[in-house]
Amino acid sequence: MVRDIRAAYAALPVLVLTIHDARGYAEQAFAAGASGYVTKQEMGEVLLVAIRSVLAGERYLSPQAGAGLART
């Protein structure tokens, strides 16, 4: 789905909001062109930081998802 969005709207930053914090999901999202990745458990301030980051042209990986990457 991320690839489809990026293909149709190349300049649009894509922030993935998901229940998955496993390494493979975040890696796949970024490989498909996502600008950010946030788990649903991290709503509130983390989501606001993620939105601001991707709108500023930066990549964002939430702390919980980053911990999932570090576990492997």
C-alpha atoms as a PDB file:
ATOM      1  CA  MET A   1       0.000   0.000   0.000  1.00  0.00           C
ATOM      2  CA  VAL A   2       2.848   2.421   0.768  1.00  0.00           C
ATOM      3  CA  ARG A   3       4.303   1.802  -2.692  1.00  0.00           C
ATOM      4  CA  ASP A   4       0.928   2.570  -4.272  1.00  0.00           C
ATOM      5  CA  ILE A   5       0.611   5.849  -2.388  1.00  0.00           C
ATOM      6  CA  ARG A   6       4.173   6.856  -3.246  1.00  0.00           C
ATOM      7  CA  ALA A   7       3.600   5.967  -6.921  1.00  0.00           C
ATOM      8  CA  ALA A   8       0.463   8.099  -7.109  1.00  0.00           C
ATOM      9  CA  TYR A   9       1.721  10.979  -4.934  1.00  0.00           C
ATOM     10  CA  ALA A  10       5.517  10.999  -5.035  1.00  0.00           C
ATOM     11  CA  ALA A  11       5.917  14.170  -2.980  1.00  0.00           C
ATOM     12  CA  LEU A  12       3.514  13.088  -0.229  1.00  0.00           C
ATOM     13  CA  PRO A  13       5.217  11.917   2.969  1.00  0.00           C
ATOM     14  CA  VAL A  14       3.747   8.645   4.217  1.00  0.00           C
ATOM     15  CA  LEU A  15       3.522   7.953   7.937  1.00  0.00           C
ATOM     16  CA  VAL A  16       2.656   4.361   8.809  1.00  0.00           C
ATOM     17  CA  LEU A  17       0.513   3.916  11.930  1.00  0.00           C
ATOM     18  CA  THR A  18       0.411   0.244  12.912  1.00  0.00           C
ATOM     19  CA  ILE A  19       0.029  -2.304  15.689  1.00  0.00           C
ATOM     20  CA  HIS A  20       3.241  -4.058  14.611  1.00  0.00           C
ATOM     21  CA  ASP A  21       6.538  -3.225  16.304  1.00  0.00           C
ATOM     22  CA  ALA A  22       8.479  -6.130  14.791  1.00  0.00           C
ATOM     23  CA  ARG A  23      11.623  -5.375  12.810  1.00  0.00           C
ATOM     24  CA  GLY A  24      10.379  -6.771   9.511  1.00  0.00           C
ATOM     25  CA  TYR A  25       7.325  -4.537   9.305  1.00  0.00           C
ATOM     26  CA  ALA A  26       9.235  -1.305   9.836  1.00  0.00           C
ATOM     27  CA  GLU A  27      11.939  -2.345   7.382  1.00  0.00           C
ATOM     28  CA  GLN A  28       9.323  -3.187   4.746  1.00  0.00           C
ATOM     29  CA  ALA A  29       7.542   0.114   5.267  1.00  0.00           C
ATOM     30  CA  PHE A  30      10.737   2.140   4.831  1.00  0.00           C
ATOM     31  CA  ALA A  31      11.813   0.035   1.842  1.00  0.00           C
ATOM     32  CA  ALA A  32       8.435   0.779   0.237  1.00  0.00           C
ATOM     33  CA  GLY A  33       8.995   4.512   0.692  1.00  0.00           C
ATOM     34  CA  ALA A  34       7.442   5.354   4.054  1.00  0.00           C
ATOM     35  CA  SER A  35       8.703   8.511   5.722  1.00  0.00           C
ATOM     36  CA  GLY A  36       7.812   7.407   9.231  1.00  0.00           C
ATOM     37  CA  TYR A  37       6.657   4.472  11.308  1.00  0.00           C
ATOM     38  CA  VAL A  38       4.682   4.679  14.577  1.00  0.00           C
ATOM     39  CA  THR A  39       2.930   1.986  16.592  1.00  0.00           C
ATOM     40  CA  LYS A  40      -0.630   2.543  17.772  1.00  0.00           C
ATOM     41  CA  GLN A  41       0.487   2.029  21.363  1.00  0.00           C
ATOM     42  CA  GLU A  42       2.390   5.324  21.097  1.00  0.00           C
ATOM     43  CA  MET A  43      -0.390   7.760  20.437  1.00  0.00           C
ATOM     44  CA  GLY A  44      -0.346  11.321  21.718  1.00  0.00           C
ATOM     45  CA  GLU A  45       2.922  13.230  21.771  1.00  0.00           C
ATOM     46  CA  VAL A  46       4.860  10.564  19.839  1.00  0.00           C
ATOM     47  CA  LEU A  47       2.366  10.750  16.993  1.00  0.00           C
ATOM     48  CA  LEU A  48       2.571  14.552  16.922  1.00  0.00           C
ATOM     49  CA  VAL A  49       6.367  14.426  16.795  1.00  0.00           C
ATOM     50  CA  ALA A  50       6.170  11.867  13.977  1.00  0.00           C
ATOM     51  CA  ILE A  51       3.763  13.992  11.945  1.00  0.00           C
ATOM     52  CA  ARG A  52       5.886  17.099  12.388  1.00  0.00           C
ATOM     53  CA  SER A  53       9.034  15.198  11.458  1.00  0.00           C
ATOM     54  CA  VAL A  54       7.724  13.713   8.219  1.00  0.00           C
ATOM     55  CA  LEU A  55       6.147  17.030   7.207  1.00  0.00           C
ATOM     56  CA  ALA A  56       9.579  18.638   7.700  1.00  0.00           C
ATOM     57  CA  GLY A  57      11.079  16.106   5.303  1.00  0.00           C
ATOM     58  CA  GLU A  58      12.692  13.926   7.958  1.00  0.00           C
ATOM     59  CA  ARG A  59      12.344  10.194   8.536  1.00  0.00           C
ATOM     60  CA  TYR A  60      10.831   9.091  11.825  1.00  0.00           C
ATOM     61  CA  LEU A  61      10.932   5.777  13.678  1.00  0.00           C
ATOM     62  CA  SER A  62       9.024   5.678  16.948  1.00  0.00           C
ATOM     63  CA  PRO A  63      10.828   4.591  20.117  1.00  0.00           C
ATOM     64  CA  GLN A  64       8.759   1.403  20.477  1.00  0.00           C
ATOM     65  CA  ALA A  65       9.296   0.401  16.852  1.00  0.00           C
ATOM     66  CA  GLY A  66      12.988   1.239  17.192  1.00  0.00           C
ATOM     67  CA  ALA A  67      13.175  -1.058  20.190  1.00  0.00           C
ATOM     68  CA  GLY A  68      11.674  -3.768  17.977  1.00  0.00           C
ATOM     69  CA  LEU A  69      14.496  -3.237  15.493  1.00  0.00           C
ATOM     70  CA  ALA A  70      17.081  -3.389  18.268  1.00  0.00           C
ATOM     71  CA  ARG A  71      15.773  -6.730  19.571  1.00  0.00           C
ATOM     72  CA  THR A  72      16.990  -8.611  16.506  1.00  0.00           C
END
